[in-house]
N, C-alpha and C. Protein backbone atom coordinates (compact mmCIF):
# COMPACT_ATOMS: atom_id res chain seq x y z
N UNK A 1 0.85 -1.18 0.00
CA UNK A 1 0.00 0.00 0.00
C UNK A 1 0.90 1.25 0.00
N UNK A 2 0.68 2.14 -0.97
CA UNK A 2 1.50 3.35 -1.01
C UNK A 2 0.97 4.37 0.00
N UNK A 3 1.68 5.48 0.14
CA UNK A 3 1.34 6.49 1.14
C UNK A 3 -0.05 7.09 0.93
N UNK A 4 -0.43 7.36 -0.31
CA UNK A 4 -1.76 7.92 -0.56
C UNK A 4 -2.86 6.90 -0.25
N UNK A 5 -2.63 5.65 -0.59
CA UNK A 5 -3.61 4.61 -0.26
C UNK A 5 -3.78 4.48 1.25
N UNK A 6 -2.66 4.55 1.97
CA UNK A 6 -2.69 4.48 3.43
C UNK A 6 -3.50 5.65 3.99
N UNK A 7 -3.26 6.86 3.47
CA UNK A 7 -4.00 8.03 3.92
C UNK A 7 -5.49 7.86 3.68
N UNK A 8 -5.85 7.46 2.47
CA UNK A 8 -7.26 7.31 2.12
C UNK A 8 -7.94 6.26 3.01
N UNK A 9 -7.22 5.20 3.35
CA UNK A 9 -7.79 4.13 4.16
C UNK A 9 -8.03 4.57 5.60
N UNK A 10 -7.39 5.66 6.03
CA UNK A 10 -7.50 6.10 7.42
C UNK A 10 -8.32 7.38 7.59
N UNK A 11 -8.96 7.85 6.53
CA UNK A 11 -9.71 9.10 6.63
C UNK A 11 -10.97 9.01 7.48
N UNK A 12 -11.35 7.84 7.90
CA UNK A 12 -12.52 7.72 8.78
C UNK A 12 -12.11 7.67 10.26
N UNK A 13 -10.81 7.65 10.54
CA UNK A 13 -10.32 7.59 11.92
C UNK A 13 -10.26 9.01 12.49
N UNK A 14 -11.15 9.30 13.42
CA UNK A 14 -11.21 10.64 14.02
C UNK A 14 -10.53 10.70 15.39
N UNK A 15 -9.74 9.71 15.72
CA UNK A 15 -9.05 9.66 17.00
C UNK A 15 -8.27 10.96 17.24
N UNK A 16 -8.52 11.58 18.37
CA UNK A 16 -7.78 12.76 18.78
C UNK A 16 -8.29 14.08 18.22
N UNK A 17 -9.21 14.06 17.29
CA UNK A 17 -9.69 15.30 16.68
C UNK A 17 -10.57 16.03 17.70
N UNK A 18 -10.22 17.29 17.98
CA UNK A 18 -11.03 18.09 18.88
C UNK A 18 -12.23 18.64 18.12
N UNK A 19 -13.40 18.44 18.70
CA UNK A 19 -14.63 18.97 18.11
C UNK A 19 -15.28 19.87 19.16
N UNK A 20 -15.36 21.15 18.85
CA UNK A 20 -15.89 22.13 19.79
C UNK A 20 -17.34 21.83 20.13
N UNK A 21 -17.73 22.11 21.36
CA UNK A 21 -19.13 21.92 21.75
C UNK A 21 -20.06 22.68 20.80
N UNK A 22 -21.15 22.05 20.44
CA UNK A 22 -22.11 22.67 19.55
C UNK A 22 -21.81 22.49 18.08
N UNK A 23 -20.67 21.90 17.76
CA UNK A 23 -20.30 21.66 16.37
C UNK A 23 -20.91 20.36 15.89
N UNK A 24 -21.37 20.35 14.67
CA UNK A 24 -21.89 19.13 14.05
C UNK A 24 -20.67 18.25 13.71
N UNK A 25 -20.42 17.24 14.54
CA UNK A 25 -19.21 16.42 14.42
C UNK A 25 -19.10 15.75 13.06
N UNK A 26 -20.18 15.17 12.60
CA UNK A 26 -20.15 14.47 11.31
C UNK A 26 -19.77 15.43 10.18
N UNK A 27 -20.37 16.61 10.18
CA UNK A 27 -20.09 17.61 9.16
C UNK A 27 -18.64 18.09 9.26
N UNK A 28 -18.17 18.37 10.47
CA UNK A 28 -16.80 18.85 10.67
C UNK A 28 -15.78 17.81 10.18
N UNK A 29 -15.99 16.56 10.55
CA UNK A 29 -15.06 15.50 10.13
C UNK A 29 -15.09 15.31 8.61
N UNK A 30 -16.27 15.41 8.02
CA UNK A 30 -16.38 15.29 6.56
C UNK A 30 -15.63 16.45 5.88
N UNK A 31 -15.74 17.65 6.44
CA UNK A 31 -15.02 18.81 5.89
C UNK A 31 -13.51 18.61 5.97
N UNK A 32 -13.02 18.07 7.09
CA UNK A 32 -11.59 17.78 7.21
C UNK A 32 -11.15 16.78 6.15
N UNK A 33 -11.91 15.70 6.03
CA UNK A 33 -11.60 14.67 5.05
C UNK A 33 -11.60 15.23 3.63
N UNK A 34 -12.64 16.00 3.31
CA UNK A 34 -12.73 16.61 1.98
C UNK A 34 -11.55 17.53 1.71
N UNK A 35 -11.13 18.28 2.74
CA UNK A 35 -10.01 19.22 2.56
C UNK A 35 -8.70 18.47 2.31
N UNK A 36 -8.51 17.37 3.00
CA UNK A 36 -7.30 16.56 2.75
C UNK A 36 -7.32 16.06 1.31
N UNK A 37 -8.44 15.50 0.89
CA UNK A 37 -8.54 14.97 -0.47
C UNK A 37 -8.31 16.07 -1.51
N UNK A 38 -8.88 17.24 -1.26
CA UNK A 38 -8.72 18.37 -2.17
C UNK A 38 -7.25 18.80 -2.29
N UNK A 39 -6.49 18.62 -1.21
CA UNK A 39 -5.10 19.07 -1.18
C UNK A 39 -4.10 17.92 -1.27
N UNK A 40 -4.60 16.76 -1.66
CA UNK A 40 -3.75 15.58 -1.84
C UNK A 40 -2.74 15.87 -2.94
N UNK A 41 -1.55 15.32 -2.79
CA UNK A 41 -0.52 15.49 -3.82
C UNK A 41 0.13 14.14 -4.11
N UNK A 42 0.84 14.09 -5.19
CA UNK A 42 1.64 12.90 -5.49
C UNK A 42 2.70 12.81 -4.39
N UNK A 43 2.80 11.67 -3.70
CA UNK A 43 3.75 11.58 -2.58
C UNK A 43 5.19 11.90 -2.99
N UNK A 44 5.83 12.67 -2.13
CA UNK A 44 7.25 12.98 -2.29
C UNK A 44 7.89 13.04 -0.91
N UNK A 45 9.18 12.76 -0.85
CA UNK A 45 9.87 12.77 0.43
C UNK A 45 10.01 14.20 0.95
N UNK A 46 9.67 14.38 2.20
CA UNK A 46 9.82 15.67 2.87
C UNK A 46 10.47 15.40 4.22
N UNK A 47 11.28 16.36 4.68
CA UNK A 47 11.88 16.20 6.00
C UNK A 47 11.69 17.48 6.79
N UNK A 48 11.71 17.31 8.10
CA UNK A 48 11.51 18.45 9.00
C UNK A 48 12.41 18.27 10.22
N UNK A 49 12.77 19.38 10.80
CA UNK A 49 13.52 19.35 12.05
C UNK A 49 12.51 19.27 13.20
N UNK A 50 12.81 18.46 14.19
CA UNK A 50 11.96 18.31 15.36
C UNK A 50 12.18 19.53 16.26
N UNK A 51 11.08 20.23 16.55
CA UNK A 51 11.14 21.41 17.41
C UNK A 51 10.12 21.25 18.54
N UNK A 52 10.24 22.10 19.55
CA UNK A 52 9.37 22.03 20.73
C UNK A 52 7.91 22.12 20.32
N UNK A 53 7.05 21.36 20.94
CA UNK A 53 7.30 20.50 22.09
C UNK A 53 7.91 19.15 21.74
N UNK A 54 8.06 18.84 20.47
CA UNK A 54 8.74 17.62 20.04
C UNK A 54 7.96 16.35 20.26
N UNK A 55 8.68 15.25 20.15
CA UNK A 55 8.11 13.90 20.28
C UNK A 55 8.89 13.16 21.36
N UNK A 56 8.23 12.25 22.09
CA UNK A 56 8.93 11.53 23.16
C UNK A 56 10.12 10.71 22.67
N UNK A 57 10.06 10.21 21.43
CA UNK A 57 11.11 9.32 20.93
C UNK A 57 12.09 10.00 19.98
N UNK A 58 11.98 11.31 19.81
CA UNK A 58 12.88 12.04 18.90
C UNK A 58 13.42 13.28 19.59
N UNK A 59 14.72 13.45 19.54
CA UNK A 59 15.35 14.61 20.18
C UNK A 59 15.08 15.88 19.38
N UNK A 60 14.86 16.98 20.09
CA UNK A 60 14.73 18.27 19.40
C UNK A 60 16.02 18.51 18.62
N UNK A 61 15.87 19.02 17.41
CA UNK A 61 17.01 19.26 16.54
C UNK A 61 17.30 18.12 15.59
N UNK A 62 16.71 16.94 15.87
CA UNK A 62 16.90 15.81 14.95
C UNK A 62 15.93 15.99 13.77
N UNK A 63 16.12 15.19 12.77
CA UNK A 63 15.26 15.28 11.59
C UNK A 63 14.38 14.04 11.48
N UNK A 64 13.21 14.25 10.92
CA UNK A 64 12.30 13.16 10.60
C UNK A 64 11.85 13.37 9.17
N UNK A 65 11.67 12.28 8.44
CA UNK A 65 11.21 12.41 7.07
C UNK A 65 10.15 11.37 6.78
N UNK A 66 9.42 11.64 5.73
CA UNK A 66 8.38 10.72 5.31
C UNK A 66 7.80 11.19 4.00
N UNK A 67 6.71 10.57 3.59
CA UNK A 67 6.07 10.86 2.31
C UNK A 67 4.97 11.89 2.48
N UNK A 68 5.16 13.06 1.91
CA UNK A 68 4.13 14.09 1.96
C UNK A 68 2.98 13.65 1.05
N UNK A 69 1.78 13.62 1.61
CA UNK A 69 0.61 13.17 0.84
C UNK A 69 -0.43 14.27 0.63
N UNK A 70 -0.31 15.37 1.39
CA UNK A 70 -1.21 16.52 1.21
C UNK A 70 -0.50 17.75 1.76
N UNK A 71 -0.81 18.90 1.16
CA UNK A 71 -0.21 20.14 1.65
C UNK A 71 -1.12 21.31 1.33
N UNK A 72 -1.11 22.27 2.28
CA UNK A 72 -1.95 23.45 2.11
C UNK A 72 -1.50 24.53 3.10
N UNK A 73 -1.25 25.71 2.60
CA UNK A 73 -1.00 26.89 3.45
C UNK A 73 -0.05 26.62 4.61
N UNK A 74 1.07 25.99 4.34
CA UNK A 74 2.05 25.74 5.39
C UNK A 74 1.84 24.48 6.20
N UNK A 75 0.79 23.71 5.89
CA UNK A 75 0.56 22.41 6.52
C UNK A 75 1.01 21.33 5.54
N UNK A 76 1.71 20.37 6.05
CA UNK A 76 2.24 19.27 5.24
C UNK A 76 1.89 17.97 5.96
N UNK A 77 1.02 17.17 5.39
CA UNK A 77 0.63 15.88 5.96
C UNK A 77 1.60 14.84 5.43
N UNK A 78 2.33 14.21 6.34
CA UNK A 78 3.44 13.34 5.96
C UNK A 78 3.27 11.96 6.61
N UNK A 79 3.42 10.93 5.80
CA UNK A 79 3.32 9.55 6.29
C UNK A 79 4.71 8.96 6.44
N UNK A 80 4.97 8.40 7.61
CA UNK A 80 6.25 7.74 7.89
C UNK A 80 6.00 6.24 7.97
N UNK A 81 6.32 5.50 6.90
CA UNK A 81 6.01 4.07 6.88
C UNK A 81 6.72 3.26 7.97
N UNK A 82 7.93 3.66 8.33
CA UNK A 82 8.66 2.92 9.36
C UNK A 82 7.95 2.93 10.70
N UNK A 83 7.33 4.07 11.02
CA UNK A 83 6.57 4.19 12.27
C UNK A 83 5.09 3.94 12.06
N UNK A 84 4.67 3.82 10.81
CA UNK A 84 3.26 3.65 10.43
C UNK A 84 2.39 4.72 11.09
N UNK A 85 2.82 5.98 10.94
CA UNK A 85 2.11 7.09 11.54
C UNK A 85 2.20 8.31 10.62
N UNK A 86 1.21 9.18 10.75
CA UNK A 86 1.21 10.44 10.01
C UNK A 86 1.72 11.55 10.93
N UNK A 87 2.39 12.52 10.33
CA UNK A 87 2.91 13.68 11.04
C UNK A 87 2.40 14.94 10.35
N UNK A 88 2.31 16.01 11.11
CA UNK A 88 2.05 17.31 10.53
C UNK A 88 3.35 18.10 10.60
N UNK A 89 3.84 18.52 9.45
CA UNK A 89 4.98 19.43 9.38
C UNK A 89 4.42 20.81 9.08
N UNK A 90 5.12 21.84 9.55
CA UNK A 90 4.70 23.22 9.27
C UNK A 90 5.84 23.99 8.64
N UNK A 91 5.49 24.92 7.77
CA UNK A 91 6.46 25.81 7.16
C UNK A 91 6.05 26.19 5.76
N UNK A 92 6.58 27.28 5.29
CA UNK A 92 6.23 27.75 3.95
C UNK A 92 7.20 27.24 2.89
N UNK A 93 8.34 26.72 3.31
CA UNK A 93 9.38 26.28 2.38
C UNK A 93 9.68 24.80 2.63
N UNK A 94 9.56 23.98 1.61
CA UNK A 94 9.80 22.54 1.75
C UNK A 94 11.20 22.23 2.29
N UNK A 95 12.12 23.15 2.12
CA UNK A 95 13.48 22.94 2.61
C UNK A 95 13.68 23.46 4.04
N UNK A 96 12.62 23.94 4.68
CA UNK A 96 12.74 24.49 6.02
C UNK A 96 11.46 24.22 6.81
N UNK A 97 11.17 22.94 7.04
CA UNK A 97 9.95 22.55 7.74
C UNK A 97 10.25 22.17 9.18
N UNK A 98 9.25 22.36 10.04
CA UNK A 98 9.37 21.98 11.44
C UNK A 98 8.32 20.94 11.80
N UNK A 99 8.69 20.04 12.68
CA UNK A 99 7.77 19.03 13.21
C UNK A 99 7.61 19.34 14.70
N UNK A 100 6.41 19.81 15.07
CA UNK A 100 6.17 20.32 16.41
C UNK A 100 5.49 19.33 17.35
N UNK A 101 5.53 18.06 17.04
CA UNK A 101 4.98 17.07 17.96
C UNK A 101 3.60 16.55 17.64
N UNK A 102 3.07 16.86 16.48
CA UNK A 102 1.73 16.39 16.11
C UNK A 102 1.86 15.15 15.23
N UNK A 103 1.32 14.05 15.71
CA UNK A 103 1.32 12.82 14.92
C UNK A 103 0.12 11.98 15.30
N UNK A 104 -0.29 11.14 14.38
CA UNK A 104 -1.44 10.28 14.60
C UNK A 104 -2.20 10.05 13.32
N UNK A 105 -3.51 10.00 13.42
CA UNK A 105 -4.37 9.78 12.25
C UNK A 105 -4.37 11.03 11.36
N UNK A 106 -4.60 10.87 10.06
CA UNK A 106 -4.59 12.01 9.15
C UNK A 106 -5.53 13.14 9.55
N UNK A 107 -6.76 12.81 9.97
CA UNK A 107 -7.71 13.86 10.36
C UNK A 107 -7.20 14.64 11.57
N UNK A 108 -6.62 13.95 12.52
CA UNK A 108 -6.06 14.63 13.69
C UNK A 108 -4.93 15.57 13.29
N UNK A 109 -4.01 15.09 12.48
CA UNK A 109 -2.88 15.93 12.06
C UNK A 109 -3.38 17.15 11.30
N UNK A 110 -4.31 16.95 10.38
CA UNK A 110 -4.81 18.04 9.54
C UNK A 110 -5.57 19.07 10.37
N UNK A 111 -6.17 18.64 11.46
CA UNK A 111 -6.96 19.55 12.29
C UNK A 111 -6.11 20.32 13.29
N UNK A 112 -4.85 19.93 13.43
CA UNK A 112 -3.98 20.56 14.45
C UNK A 112 -3.68 22.02 14.15
C-alpha cells in the first residue's frame, strides 16, 4: 500500500480530533476529510527538524522524514512508513519545515 492509499484508508479515523461543543461532528469531520482529499498530492519525500514541544522518541534538533501526501497553506501531511504514523509538518518552504509534535491519524494531524 503506497502512502496515498494508506492516507485514504484512514480518513474515517477521528481519533484525537477536537470537536468544539455545539459543532456538528459528522459535518466537521467530513469537511476535514474533503479538505485533505482536495489538497492531496503525489507523494514525495519531505523532511523536518523536530522542534518544541517535540516527540517523546525524537530529540529536538533531529530530523524526521516521510512521504508528503497533502499540503496546504504551510501544513504538510506526511506519512512515515517505518513508524506507520502520520505527522504534521509546518512551514512555507519545503526545505525548512518543522515538526512540532503532532502525529497520529490524518484527520487529527490536519486539524492541528
